Amino acid sequence: MGTEKVWVVIPAHNEGASIGDVVGGVRRAFNGAVVVVDDFSTDDTARKARDAGAVVLPLPIHLGAWCATQAGIRYSLAHGCRILVTMDGDGQHRPEDIPRILEPLFQGHSDVVIGSCVDRGSAARRLTWLIFRRITGLDVADLTSGFRAYNRPALKILASREASLLDYQDVGVLLFLKRAGLRFSEVPVTMGPRRNGHSRVFHTWRAVFWYLVYSGIVSVSQRPYPFFAFIKNRASRTLNSGEAP
């Protein structure tokens, strides 16, 4: 498959300090379309992305990274995209790693490829990864990496209305794809420091706590747990028989 059917989608909110360099690096790394979804920025993100050669999709309100990414996915699918790479606009992800991330998809070995960098993990991030690997059963080392590649079956799932209910672009997205039986692989990459701003999830322990609560609810809702099934069946038998619980 040629790169003319491969697109890169970059959600960006107030990334004017870095987005031009990111788009320029992507365009040098491979010959595919680059879409920047401007998530209602108040700086010059849209202008700098457009000047660097990206297609810019401006959102009328601030929706967050996942909804902005989904808007880019839907736009790309509507315009013939077959494989899509997502990456951040803050300069952490290296565009030169894109060909390596695409390789498992081109070879047909995977449906979803994650650019994994476990070395960047702070104490809060590593704790989060450990908890959600246990809860979800996801065999993914870097659960929160936004540097990913998806084939068309995966993109159709992520463009669905059900996926619009997600708030973050990591654990819930992976669970949706796992539930559909899609294949995952990880490619080790090197990530640089964020050029500006801070992580939405890991900048404070309070933010980490909310992320754990939210993602925990999503995780439990996506997996059949024997204990909950036992309680449900027991309650059903009690109601049908008239027994005391």
Foldseek 3Di string as FASTA:
>chain_A
DAQQQEEEEEEDAQQVVFQLVVLLQLVVQHPYAYEYEYQPHPDCNQVSNVVSPHHYHYDPHRQADLLSVLVVLVVSVVVRHFKYWYAYRQQFDGSNCVVVQCVCVVVVNFFKEFADDLVVDDPLQQVLQVVLCVLQVDPDNRQQHSGMMGGDVLSVQCNDPVVSPDRGDGLLSVLSCVLVVTGYYYDYDGTDDGNDDDDQQPPDVVSVVVVCVVSSVSRVVSDDDPVVVVVVVVVVVCVVVVHDD
